Amino acid sequence: MRRALTGGKRQLRLDLASPEQAIDAPMIKTYINGYSANDRVTEVIVEKLIGKSAFEGKSPVDPFCGVWGTNF
């Protein structure tokens, strides 16, 4: 099912300042939230995406809003 929804391609969702949005796209396995929509946060996310630094940490909120089945 996931392959059919994504066309078999890897997908990533990036949100700025909206940590609870993963519920809108549960088929996407990689979810990045910057928690703030400013230039510095955007720069850091790009650095991480291109491998200049590692992603660290864990979401302090439930991006799936506690809805069963959205994070399988």
C-alpha atoms as a PDB file:
ATOM      1  CA  MET A   1       0.000   0.000   0.000  1.00  0.00           C
ATOM      2  CA  ARG A   2       2.747   2.448   0.952  1.00  0.00           C
ATOM      3  CA  ARG A   3       4.531   1.779  -2.344  1.00  0.00           C
ATOM      4  CA  ALA A   4       1.346   2.483  -4.272  1.00  0.00           C
ATOM      5  CA  LEU A   5       0.772   5.765  -2.433  1.00  0.00           C
ATOM      6  CA  THR A   6       4.323   7.028  -2.917  1.00  0.00           C
ATOM      7  CA  GLY A   7       4.969   5.646  -6.385  1.00  0.00           C
ATOM      8  CA  GLY A   8       7.739   3.486  -4.949  1.00  0.00           C
ATOM      9  CA  LYS A   9       9.948   6.526  -4.323  1.00  0.00           C
ATOM     10  CA  ARG A  10      11.523   7.637  -1.091  1.00  0.00           C
ATOM     11  CA  GLN A  11       9.791  10.622   0.391  1.00  0.00           C
ATOM     12  CA  LEU A  12      10.587  13.150   3.055  1.00  0.00           C
ATOM     13  CA  ARG A  13       8.353  15.690   4.697  1.00  0.00           C
ATOM     14  CA  LEU A  14       9.813  18.928   5.999  1.00  0.00           C
ATOM     15  CA  ASP A  15       7.759  21.274   8.129  1.00  0.00           C
ATOM     16  CA  LEU A  16       8.717  24.536   9.742  1.00  0.00           C
ATOM     17  CA  ALA A  17       6.820  25.668  12.841  1.00  0.00           C
ATOM     18  CA  SER A  18       4.134  22.979  12.649  1.00  0.00           C
ATOM     19  CA  PRO A  19       5.166  19.803  14.515  1.00  0.00           C
ATOM     20  CA  GLU A  20       1.739  18.169  14.491  1.00  0.00           C
ATOM     21  CA  GLN A  21       1.431  17.925  10.713  1.00  0.00           C
ATOM     22  CA  ALA A  22       2.677  14.323  10.305  1.00  0.00           C
ATOM     23  CA  ILE A  23      -0.899  13.135  10.722  1.00  0.00           C
ATOM     24  CA  ASP A  24      -1.625  14.652   7.287  1.00  0.00           C
ATOM     25  CA  ALA A  25       0.851  12.342   5.546  1.00  0.00           C
ATOM     26  CA  PRO A  26       1.238   9.100   7.515  1.00  0.00           C
ATOM     27  CA  MET A  27       2.691   7.245   4.513  1.00  0.00           C
ATOM     28  CA  ILE A  28       5.883   9.302   4.675  1.00  0.00           C
ATOM     29  CA  LYS A  29       8.488   7.613   6.895  1.00  0.00           C
ATOM     30  CA  THR A  30      10.956  10.499   7.201  1.00  0.00           C
ATOM     31  CA  TYR A  31       9.593  13.579   8.911  1.00  0.00           C
ATOM     32  CA  ILE A  32      11.710  16.626   9.762  1.00  0.00           C
ATOM     33  CA  ASN A  33      10.396  19.556  11.761  1.00  0.00           C
ATOM     34  CA  GLY A  34      12.342  22.758  12.255  1.00  0.00           C
ATOM     35  CA  TYR A  35       9.956  24.178  14.902  1.00  0.00           C
ATOM     36  CA  SER A  36      10.596  27.694  13.602  1.00  0.00           C
ATOM     37  CA  ALA A  37      10.293  29.280  10.192  1.00  0.00           C
ATOM     38  CA  ASN A  38      13.350  31.522  10.221  1.00  0.00           C
ATOM     39  CA  ASP A  39      16.460  31.703   8.047  1.00  0.00           C
ATOM     40  CA  ARG A  40      18.815  30.101  10.578  1.00  0.00           C
ATOM     41  CA  VAL A  41      16.612  27.043  11.085  1.00  0.00           C
ATOM     42  CA  THR A  42      16.304  26.626   7.325  1.00  0.00           C
ATOM     43  CA  GLU A  43      20.108  26.858   6.932  1.00  0.00           C
ATOM     44  CA  VAL A  44      20.692  24.227   9.624  1.00  0.00           C
ATOM     45  CA  ILE A  45      18.176  21.836   8.072  1.00  0.00           C
ATOM     46  CA  VAL A  46      19.881  22.167   4.678  1.00  0.00           C
ATOM     47  CA  GLU A  47      23.286  21.508   6.319  1.00  0.00           C
ATOM     48  CA  LYS A  48      21.887  18.339   7.834  1.00  0.00           C
ATOM     49  CA  LEU A  49      20.231  17.196   4.613  1.00  0.00           C
ATOM     50  CA  ILE A  50      23.488  17.518   2.670  1.00  0.00           C
ATOM     51  CA  GLY A  51      25.472  15.720   5.380  1.00  0.00           C
ATOM     52  CA  LYS A  52      27.439  18.559   6.990  1.00  0.00           C
ATOM     53  CA  SER A  53      26.061  17.584  10.387  1.00  0.00           C
ATOM     54  CA  ALA A  54      23.960  14.795  11.827  1.00  0.00           C
ATOM     55  CA  PHE A  55      20.323  14.913  12.822  1.00  0.00           C
ATOM     56  CA  GLU A  56      20.028  14.501  16.579  1.00  0.00           C
ATOM     57  CA  GLY A  57      17.259  14.547  19.097  1.00  0.00           C
ATOM     58  CA  LYS A  58      13.725  13.382  19.371  1.00  0.00           C
ATOM     59  CA  SER A  59      10.462  15.197  18.857  1.00  0.00           C
ATOM     60  CA  PRO A  60       9.166  16.736  22.091  1.00  0.00           C
ATOM     61  CA  VAL A  61       5.624  16.446  20.719  1.00  0.00           C
ATOM     62  CA  ASP A  62       3.679  13.627  19.109  1.00  0.00           C
ATOM     63  CA  PRO A  63       3.602  14.606  15.421  1.00  0.00           C
ATOM     64  CA  PHE A  64       0.909  11.971  14.841  1.00  0.00           C
ATOM     65  CA  CYS A  65      -1.401  13.519  17.471  1.00  0.00           C
ATOM     66  CA  GLY A  66      -1.931  10.157  19.170  1.00  0.00           C
ATOM     67  CA  VAL A  67      -3.946   8.773  16.245  1.00  0.00           C
ATOM     68  CA  TRP A  68      -3.588   4.988  16.141  1.00  0.00           C
ATOM     69  CA  GLY A  69      -2.076   3.557  12.973  1.00  0.00           C
ATOM     70  CA  THR A  70      -0.489   6.726  11.654  1.00  0.00           C
ATOM     71  CA  ASN A  71       3.078   5.862  12.660  1.00  0.00           C
ATOM     72  CA  PHE A  72       3.445   2.257  11.480  1.00  0.00           C
END
